[in-house]
Every structure is written in structure tokens, then in C-alpha cells.
Amino acid sequence: MRLSDPRFKYVPSTLTDVAATWRKFGFRPTTESERRARRLREPPVEGTVDIGGAIATSLRSAASPAFKFVMRN
């Protein structure tokens, strides 16, 4: 469609609905239950144990890497 086409409707960027544009092209965000199910399906990395919890979360939020321990026999 050309800009000079009378059917063209200009929408200023401040009024653009980004979510509607993504939906128009088929994007569907995952739900919390889908994200949770995907995390449960992911196999753990062999030989490492991730320490979750409040301490690791606070470290991640401070842009520090999470602690991981490697167990060797």
C-alpha cells in the first residue's frame, strides 16, 4: 500500500499498540503454566546442582552469576 493511497491510515508511534501488532502476525505469549511446565521438562545439567532460593535470586538480581556446585566422584 502506498502512502498516497486513500485507504492508508497514519498512526503516530505514540498511539501504536505493539501487542496488537504482534498478535496480528501470530505471536502468542506463553502463559505462566506453560513456562512452569517447560522448566519441569528441561533435563538438569549433569554434574551440577543449582542452588535456588532467596540468596541466589538476590545475587541474580544484583547481576552476579548464580552459584553452582560441581560434584565429582
PDB file of N, CA and C in Angstrom:
ATOM      1  N   MET A   1       0.850  -1.166   0.000  1.00  0.00           N
ATOM      2  CA  MET A   1       0.000   0.000   0.000  1.00  0.00           C
ATOM      3  C   MET A   1       0.904   1.239   0.000  1.00  0.00           C
ATOM      4  N   ARG A   2       0.572   2.179  -0.805  1.00  0.00           N
ATOM      5  CA  ARG A   2       1.346   3.421  -0.890  1.00  0.00           C
ATOM      6  C   ARG A   2       0.823   4.446   0.116  1.00  0.00           C
ATOM      7  N   LEU A   3       1.697   5.366   0.451  1.00  0.00           N
ATOM      8  CA  LEU A   3       1.298   6.422   1.393  1.00  0.00           C
ATOM      9  C   LEU A   3       0.211   7.317   0.814  1.00  0.00           C
ATOM     10  N   SER A   4       0.196   7.450  -0.503  1.00  0.00           N
ATOM     11  CA  SER A   4      -0.812   8.305  -1.143  1.00  0.00           C
ATOM     12  C   SER A   4      -2.155   7.594  -1.327  1.00  0.00           C
ATOM     13  N   ASP A   5      -2.213   6.314  -1.001  1.00  0.00           N
ATOM     14  CA  ASP A   5      -3.464   5.555  -1.120  1.00  0.00           C
ATOM     15  C   ASP A   5      -4.454   6.108  -0.097  1.00  0.00           C
ATOM     16  N   PRO A   6      -5.689   6.417  -0.484  1.00  0.00           N
ATOM     17  CA  PRO A   6      -6.673   6.982   0.455  1.00  0.00           C
ATOM     18  C   PRO A   6      -7.051   6.018   1.593  1.00  0.00           C
ATOM     19  N   ARG A   7      -6.811   4.722   1.413  1.00  0.00           N
ATOM     20  CA  ARG A   7      -7.113   3.757   2.480  1.00  0.00           C
ATOM     21  C   ARG A   7      -6.040   3.728   3.565  1.00  0.00           C
ATOM     22  N   PHE A   8      -4.880   4.314   3.281  1.00  0.00           N
ATOM     23  CA  PHE A   8      -3.790   4.332   4.260  1.00  0.00           C
ATOM     24  C   PHE A   8      -4.170   5.221   5.440  1.00  0.00           C
ATOM     25  N   LYS A   9      -3.990   4.671   6.628  1.00  0.00           N
ATOM     26  CA  LYS A   9      -4.302   5.427   7.838  1.00  0.00           C
ATOM     27  C   LYS A   9      -3.027   5.590   8.649  1.00  0.00           C
ATOM     28  N   TYR A  10      -2.586   6.811   8.825  1.00  0.00           N
ATOM     29  CA  TYR A  10      -1.378   7.084   9.604  1.00  0.00           C
ATOM     30  C   TYR A  10      -1.684   6.960  11.087  1.00  0.00           C
ATOM     31  N   VAL A  11      -0.820   6.223  11.796  1.00  0.00           N
ATOM     32  CA  VAL A  11      -0.943   6.077  13.245  1.00  0.00           C
ATOM     33  C   VAL A  11       0.371   6.544  13.856  1.00  0.00           C
ATOM     34  N   PRO A  12       0.355   7.590  14.661  1.00  0.00           N
ATOM     35  CA  PRO A  12       1.591   8.057  15.301  1.00  0.00           C
ATOM     36  C   PRO A  12       2.182   6.968  16.196  1.00  0.00           C
ATOM     37  N   SER A  13       3.491   6.961  16.321  1.00  0.00           N
ATOM     38  CA  SER A  13       4.156   5.911  17.099  1.00  0.00           C
ATOM     39  C   SER A  13       3.693   5.883  18.551  1.00  0.00           C
ATOM     40  N   THR A  14       3.317   7.013  19.091  1.00  0.00           N
ATOM     41  CA  THR A  14       2.856   7.051  20.487  1.00  0.00           C
ATOM     42  C   THR A  14       1.512   6.365  20.673  1.00  0.00           C
ATOM     43  N   LEU A  15       0.757   6.174  19.601  1.00  0.00           N
ATOM     44  CA  LEU A  15      -0.551   5.526  19.690  1.00  0.00           C
ATOM     45  C   LEU A  15      -0.532   4.092  19.158  1.00  0.00           C
ATOM     46  N   THR A  16       0.648   3.608  18.753  1.00  0.00           N
ATOM     47  CA  THR A  16       0.752   2.257  18.211  1.00  0.00           C
ATOM     48  C   THR A  16       0.591   1.224  19.317  1.00  0.00           C
ATOM     49  N   ASP A  17      -0.260   0.230  19.095  1.00  0.00           N
ATOM     50  CA  ASP A  17      -0.457  -0.865  20.041  1.00  0.00           C
ATOM     51  C   ASP A  17       0.472  -2.008  19.612  1.00  0.00           C
ATOM     52  N   VAL A  18       1.618  -2.096  20.260  1.00  0.00           N
ATOM     53  CA  VAL A  18       2.627  -3.083  19.888  1.00  0.00           C
ATOM     54  C   VAL A  18       2.096  -4.506  20.066  1.00  0.00           C
ATOM     55  N   ALA A  19       1.388  -4.750  21.147  1.00  0.00           N
ATOM     56  CA  ALA A  19       0.847  -6.093  21.401  1.00  0.00           C
ATOM     57  C   ALA A  19      -0.123  -6.505  20.293  1.00  0.00           C
ATOM     58  N   ALA A  20      -0.943  -5.577  19.825  1.00  0.00           N
ATOM     59  CA  ALA A  20      -1.875  -5.886  18.734  1.00  0.00           C
ATOM     60  C   ALA A  20      -1.123  -6.203  17.449  1.00  0.00           C
ATOM     61  N   THR A  21      -0.032  -5.501  17.209  1.00  0.00           N
ATOM     62  CA  THR A  21       0.766  -5.772  16.014  1.00  0.00           C
ATOM     63  C   THR A  21       1.368  -7.166  16.076  1.00  0.00           C
ATOM     64  N   TRP A  22       1.926  -7.548  17.230  1.00  0.00           N
ATOM     65  CA  TRP A  22       2.489  -8.887  17.381  1.00  0.00           C
ATOM     66  C   TRP A  22       1.402  -9.949  17.190  1.00  0.00           C
ATOM     67  N   ARG A  23       0.224  -9.742  17.787  1.00  0.00           N
ATOM     68  CA  ARG A  23      -0.881 -10.705  17.635  1.00  0.00           C
ATOM     69  C   ARG A  23      -1.291 -10.838  16.177  1.00  0.00           C
ATOM     70  N   LYS A  24      -1.282  -9.735  15.450  1.00  0.00           N
ATOM     71  CA  LYS A  24      -1.674  -9.735  14.036  1.00  0.00           C
ATOM     72  C   LYS A  24      -0.800 -10.686  13.219  1.00  0.00           C
ATOM     73  N   PHE A  25       0.460 -10.822  13.622  1.00  0.00           N
ATOM     74  CA  PHE A  25       1.381 -11.689  12.903  1.00  0.00           C
ATOM     75  C   PHE A  25       1.556 -13.046  13.570  1.00  0.00           C
ATOM     76  N   GLY A  26       0.653 -13.391  14.495  1.00  0.00           N
ATOM     77  CA  GLY A  26       0.612 -14.740  15.052  1.00  0.00           C
ATOM     78  C   GLY A  26       1.356 -14.974  16.348  1.00  0.00           C
ATOM     79  N   PHE A  27       1.935 -13.952  16.957  1.00  0.00           N
ATOM     80  CA  PHE A  27       2.649 -14.150  18.215  1.00  0.00           C
ATOM     81  C   PHE A  27       1.650 -14.361  19.333  1.00  0.00           C
ATOM     82  N   ARG A  28       1.898 -15.393  20.121  1.00  0.00           N
ATOM     83  CA  ARG A  28       1.070 -15.665  21.289  1.00  0.00           C
ATOM     84  C   ARG A  28       2.001 -15.879  22.477  1.00  0.00           C
ATOM     85  N   PRO A  29       1.982 -14.987  23.461  1.00  0.00           N
ATOM     86  CA  PRO A  29       2.889 -15.150  24.601  1.00  0.00           C
ATOM     87  C   PRO A  29       2.548 -16.405  25.398  1.00  0.00           C
ATOM     88  N   THR A  30       3.577 -16.994  25.992  1.00  0.00           N
ATOM     89  CA  THR A  30       3.344 -18.185  26.802  1.00  0.00           C
ATOM     90  C   THR A  30       2.708 -17.799  28.127  1.00  0.00           C
ATOM     91  N   THR A  31       1.928 -18.694  28.638  1.00  0.00           N
ATOM     92  CA  THR A  31       1.286 -18.455  29.935  1.00  0.00           C
ATOM     93  C   THR A  31       2.233 -18.913  31.039  1.00  0.00           C
ATOM     94  N   GLU A  32       1.938 -18.527  32.260  1.00  0.00           N
ATOM     95  CA  GLU A  32       2.768 -18.935  33.393  1.00  0.00           C
ATOM     96  C   GLU A  32       2.783 -20.452  33.526  1.00  0.00           C
ATOM     97  N   SER A  33       1.641 -21.118  33.300  1.00  0.00           N
ATOM     98  CA  SER A  33       1.600 -22.583  33.417  1.00  0.00           C
ATOM     99  C   SER A  33       2.437 -23.242  32.326  1.00  0.00           C
ATOM    100  N   GLU A  34       2.478 -22.675  31.121  1.00  0.00           N
ATOM    101  CA  GLU A  34       3.329 -23.220  30.047  1.00  0.00           C
ATOM    102  C   GLU A  34       4.810 -23.057  30.396  1.00  0.00           C
ATOM    103  N   ARG A  35       5.178 -21.910  30.956  1.00  0.00           N
ATOM    104  CA  ARG A  35       6.575 -21.695  31.351  1.00  0.00           C
ATOM    105  C   ARG A  35       6.979 -22.666  32.452  1.00  0.00           C
ATOM    106  N   ARG A  36       6.091 -22.863  33.425  1.00  0.00           N
ATOM    107  CA  ARG A  36       6.372 -23.784  34.524  1.00  0.00           C
ATOM    108  C   ARG A  36       6.545 -25.212  34.003  1.00  0.00           C
ATOM    109  N   ALA A  37       5.680 -25.635  33.080  1.00  0.00           N
ATOM    110  CA  ALA A  37       5.764 -26.985  32.513  1.00  0.00           C
ATOM    111  C   ALA A  37       7.060 -27.162  31.724  1.00  0.00           C
ATOM    112  N   ARG A  38       7.466 -26.137  30.997  1.00  0.00           N
ATOM    113  CA  ARG A  38       8.709 -26.229  30.222  1.00  0.00           C
ATOM    114  C   ARG A  38       9.907 -26.368  31.153  1.00  0.00           C
ATOM    115  N   ARG A  39       9.903 -25.622  32.273  1.00  0.00           N
ATOM    116  CA  ARG A  39      11.008 -25.727  33.229  1.00  0.00           C
ATOM    117  C   ARG A  39      11.081 -27.127  33.825  1.00  0.00           C
ATOM    118  N   LEU A  40       9.930 -27.745  34.073  1.00  0.00           N
ATOM    119  CA  LEU A  40       9.919 -29.090  34.648  1.00  0.00           C
ATOM    120  C   LEU A  40      10.402 -30.131  33.643  1.00  0.00           C
ATOM    121  N   ARG A  41      10.183 -29.878  32.354  1.00  0.00           N
ATOM    122  CA  ARG A  41      10.612 -30.832  31.315  1.00  0.00           C
ATOM    123  C   ARG A  41      12.099 -30.746  31.013  1.00  0.00           C
ATOM    124  N   GLU A  42      12.732 -29.597  31.268  1.00  0.00           N
ATOM    125  CA  GLU A  42      14.142 -29.426  30.931  1.00  0.00           C
ATOM    126  C   GLU A  42      14.995 -30.341  31.790  1.00  0.00           C
ATOM    127  N   PRO A  43      15.856 -31.139  31.143  1.00  0.00           N
ATOM    128  CA  PRO A  43      16.710 -32.023  31.932  1.00  0.00           C
ATOM    129  C   PRO A  43      17.788 -31.218  32.655  1.00  0.00           C
ATOM    130  N   PRO A  44      18.129 -31.614  33.874  1.00  0.00           N
ATOM    131  CA  PRO A  44      19.180 -30.893  34.588  1.00  0.00           C
ATOM    132  C   PRO A  44      20.529 -31.119  33.918  1.00  0.00           C
ATOM    133  N   VAL A  45      21.406 -30.154  34.057  1.00  0.00           N
ATOM    134  CA  VAL A  45      22.749 -30.297  33.512  1.00  0.00           C
ATOM    135  C   VAL A  45      23.485 -31.294  34.373  1.00  0.00           C
ATOM    136  N   GLU A  46      24.055 -32.325  33.756  1.00  0.00           N
ATOM    137  CA  GLU A  46      24.679 -33.403  34.504  1.00  0.00           C
ATOM    138  C   GLU A  46      25.899 -32.909  35.277  1.00  0.00           C
ATOM    139  N   GLY A  47      25.971 -33.272  36.537  1.00  0.00           N
ATOM    140  CA  GLY A  47      27.118 -32.942  37.353  1.00  0.00           C
ATOM    141  C   GLY A  47      27.044 -31.589  38.035  1.00  0.00           C
ATOM    142  N   THR A  48      25.946 -30.846  37.867  1.00  0.00           N
ATOM    143  CA  THR A  48      25.834 -29.559  38.538  1.00  0.00           C
ATOM    144  C   THR A  48      24.561 -29.516  39.353  1.00  0.00           C
ATOM    145  N   VAL A  49      24.600 -28.750  40.401  1.00  0.00           N
ATOM    146  CA  VAL A  49      23.422 -28.549  41.239  1.00  0.00           C
ATOM    147  C   VAL A  49      23.230 -27.052  41.368  1.00  0.00           C
ATOM    148  N   ASP A  50      22.053 -26.570  41.013  1.00  0.00           N
ATOM    149  CA  ASP A  50      21.763 -25.148  41.106  1.00  0.00           C
ATOM    150  C   ASP A  50      21.176 -24.860  42.480  1.00  0.00           C
ATOM    151  N   ILE A  51      21.747 -23.911  43.182  1.00  0.00           N
ATOM    152  CA  ILE A  51      21.226 -23.520  44.490  1.00  0.00           C
ATOM    153  C   ILE A  51      20.202 -22.426  44.245  1.00  0.00           C
ATOM    154  N   GLY A  52      18.935 -22.740  44.412  1.00  0.00           N
ATOM    155  CA  GLY A  52      17.880 -21.754  44.225  1.00  0.00           C
ATOM    156  C   GLY A  52      17.670 -20.984  45.511  1.00  0.00           C
ATOM    157  N   GLY A  53      16.527 -20.419  45.643  1.00  0.00           N
ATOM    158  CA  GLY A  53      16.182 -19.741  46.881  1.00  0.00           C
ATOM    159  C   GLY A  53      16.468 -18.261  46.853  1.00  0.00           C
ATOM    160  N   ALA A  54      16.239 -17.646  47.998  1.00  0.00           N
ATOM    161  CA  ALA A  54      16.302 -16.189  48.108  1.00  0.00           C
ATOM    162  C   ALA A  54      17.710 -15.641  47.891  1.00  0.00           C
ATOM    163  N   ILE A  55      18.728 -16.343  48.387  1.00  0.00           N
ATOM    164  CA  ILE A  55      20.096 -15.830  48.241  1.00  0.00           C
ATOM    165  C   ILE A  55      20.497 -15.805  46.774  1.00  0.00           C
ATOM    166  N   ALA A  56      20.269 -16.910  46.058  1.00  0.00           N
ATOM    167  CA  ALA A  56      20.628 -16.958  44.644  1.00  0.00           C
ATOM    168  C   ALA A  56      19.817 -15.947  43.841  1.00  0.00           C
ATOM    169  N   THR A  57      18.553 -15.785  44.183  1.00  0.00           N
ATOM    170  CA  THR A  57      17.710 -14.817  43.488  1.00  0.00           C
ATOM    171  C   THR A  57      18.227 -13.401  43.699  1.00  0.00           C
ATOM    172  N   SER A  58      18.610 -13.077  44.924  1.00  0.00           N
ATOM    173  CA  SER A  58      19.118 -11.732  45.179  1.00  0.00           C
ATOM    174  C   SER A  58      20.440 -11.509  44.468  1.00  0.00           C
ATOM    175  N   LEU A  59      21.263 -12.539  44.368  1.00  0.00           N
ATOM    176  CA  LEU A  59      22.528 -12.401  43.649  1.00  0.00           C
ATOM    177  C   LEU A  59      22.283 -12.217  42.157  1.00  0.00           C
ATOM    178  N   ARG A  60      21.313 -12.960  41.611  1.00  0.00           N
ATOM    179  CA  ARG A  60      20.989 -12.804  40.190  1.00  0.00           C
ATOM    180  C   ARG A  60      20.478 -11.397  39.914  1.00  0.00           C
ATOM    181  N   SER A  61      19.663 -10.869  40.814  1.00  0.00           N
ATOM    182  CA  SER A  61      19.126  -9.526  40.607  1.00  0.00           C
ATOM    183  C   SER A  61      20.212  -8.468  40.729  1.00  0.00           C
ATOM    184  N   ALA A  62      21.312  -8.802  41.381  1.00  0.00           N
ATOM    185  CA  ALA A  62      22.435  -7.871  41.504  1.00  0.00           C
ATOM    186  C   ALA A  62      23.415  -8.053  40.344  1.00  0.00           C
ATOM    187  N   ALA A  63      23.001  -8.775  39.305  1.00  0.00           N
ATOM    188  CA  ALA A  63      23.800  -9.022  38.099  1.00  0.00           C
ATOM    189  C   ALA A  63      25.018  -9.885  38.384  1.00  0.00           C
ATOM    190  N   SER A  64      24.958 -10.698  39.425  1.00  0.00           N
ATOM    191  CA  SER A  64      26.026 -11.649  39.717  1.00  0.00           C
ATOM    192  C   SER A  64      25.589 -13.023  39.234  1.00  0.00           C
ATOM    193  N   PRO A  65      26.524 -13.846  38.825  1.00  0.00           N
ATOM    194  CA  PRO A  65      26.139 -15.191  38.390  1.00  0.00           C
ATOM    195  C   PRO A  65      25.629 -16.025  39.564  1.00  0.00           C
ATOM    196  N   ALA A  66      24.760 -16.968  39.270  1.00  0.00           N
ATOM    197  CA  ALA A  66      24.222 -17.847  40.311  1.00  0.00           C
ATOM    198  C   ALA A  66      25.301 -18.831  40.744  1.00  0.00           C
ATOM    199  N   PHE A  67      25.241 -19.273  41.998  1.00  0.00           N
ATOM    200  CA  PHE A  67      26.191 -20.262  42.490  1.00  0.00           C
ATOM    201  C   PHE A  67      25.841 -21.611  41.906  1.00  0.00           C
ATOM    202  N   LYS A  68      26.853 -22.362  41.506  1.00  0.00           N
ATOM    203  CA  LYS A  68      26.656 -23.740  41.072  1.00  0.00           C
ATOM    204  C   LYS A  68      27.784 -24.575  41.662  1.00  0.00           C
ATOM    205  N   PHE A  69      27.445 -25.734  42.162  1.00  0.00           N
ATOM    206  CA  PHE A  69      28.434 -26.651  42.683  1.00  0.00           C
ATOM    207  C   PHE A  69      28.582 -27.810  41.719  1.00  0.00           C
ATOM    208  N   VAL A  70      29.804 -28.264  41.538  1.00  0.00           N
ATOM    209  CA  VAL A  70      30.067 -29.429  40.712  1.00  0.00           C
ATOM    210  C   VAL A  70      30.476 -30.547  41.635  1.00  0.00           C
ATOM    211  N   MET A  71      29.781 -31.673  41.553  1.00  0.00           N
ATOM    212  CA  MET A  71      30.090 -32.822  42.399  1.00  0.00           C
ATOM    213  C   MET A  71      30.876 -33.826  41.569  1.00  0.00           C
ATOM    214  N   ARG A  72      32.043 -34.214  42.064  1.00  0.00           N
ATOM    215  CA  ARG A  72      32.885 -35.180  41.355  1.00  0.00           C
ATOM    216  C   ARG A  72      33.103 -36.396  42.249  1.00  0.00           C
ATOM    217  N   ASN A  73      33.193 -37.522  41.625  1.00  0.00           N
ATOM    218  CA  ASN A  73      33.439 -38.769  42.371  1.00  0.00           C
ATOM    219  C   ASN A  73      34.906 -39.025  42.495  1.00  0.00           C
TER     220      ASN A  73
END
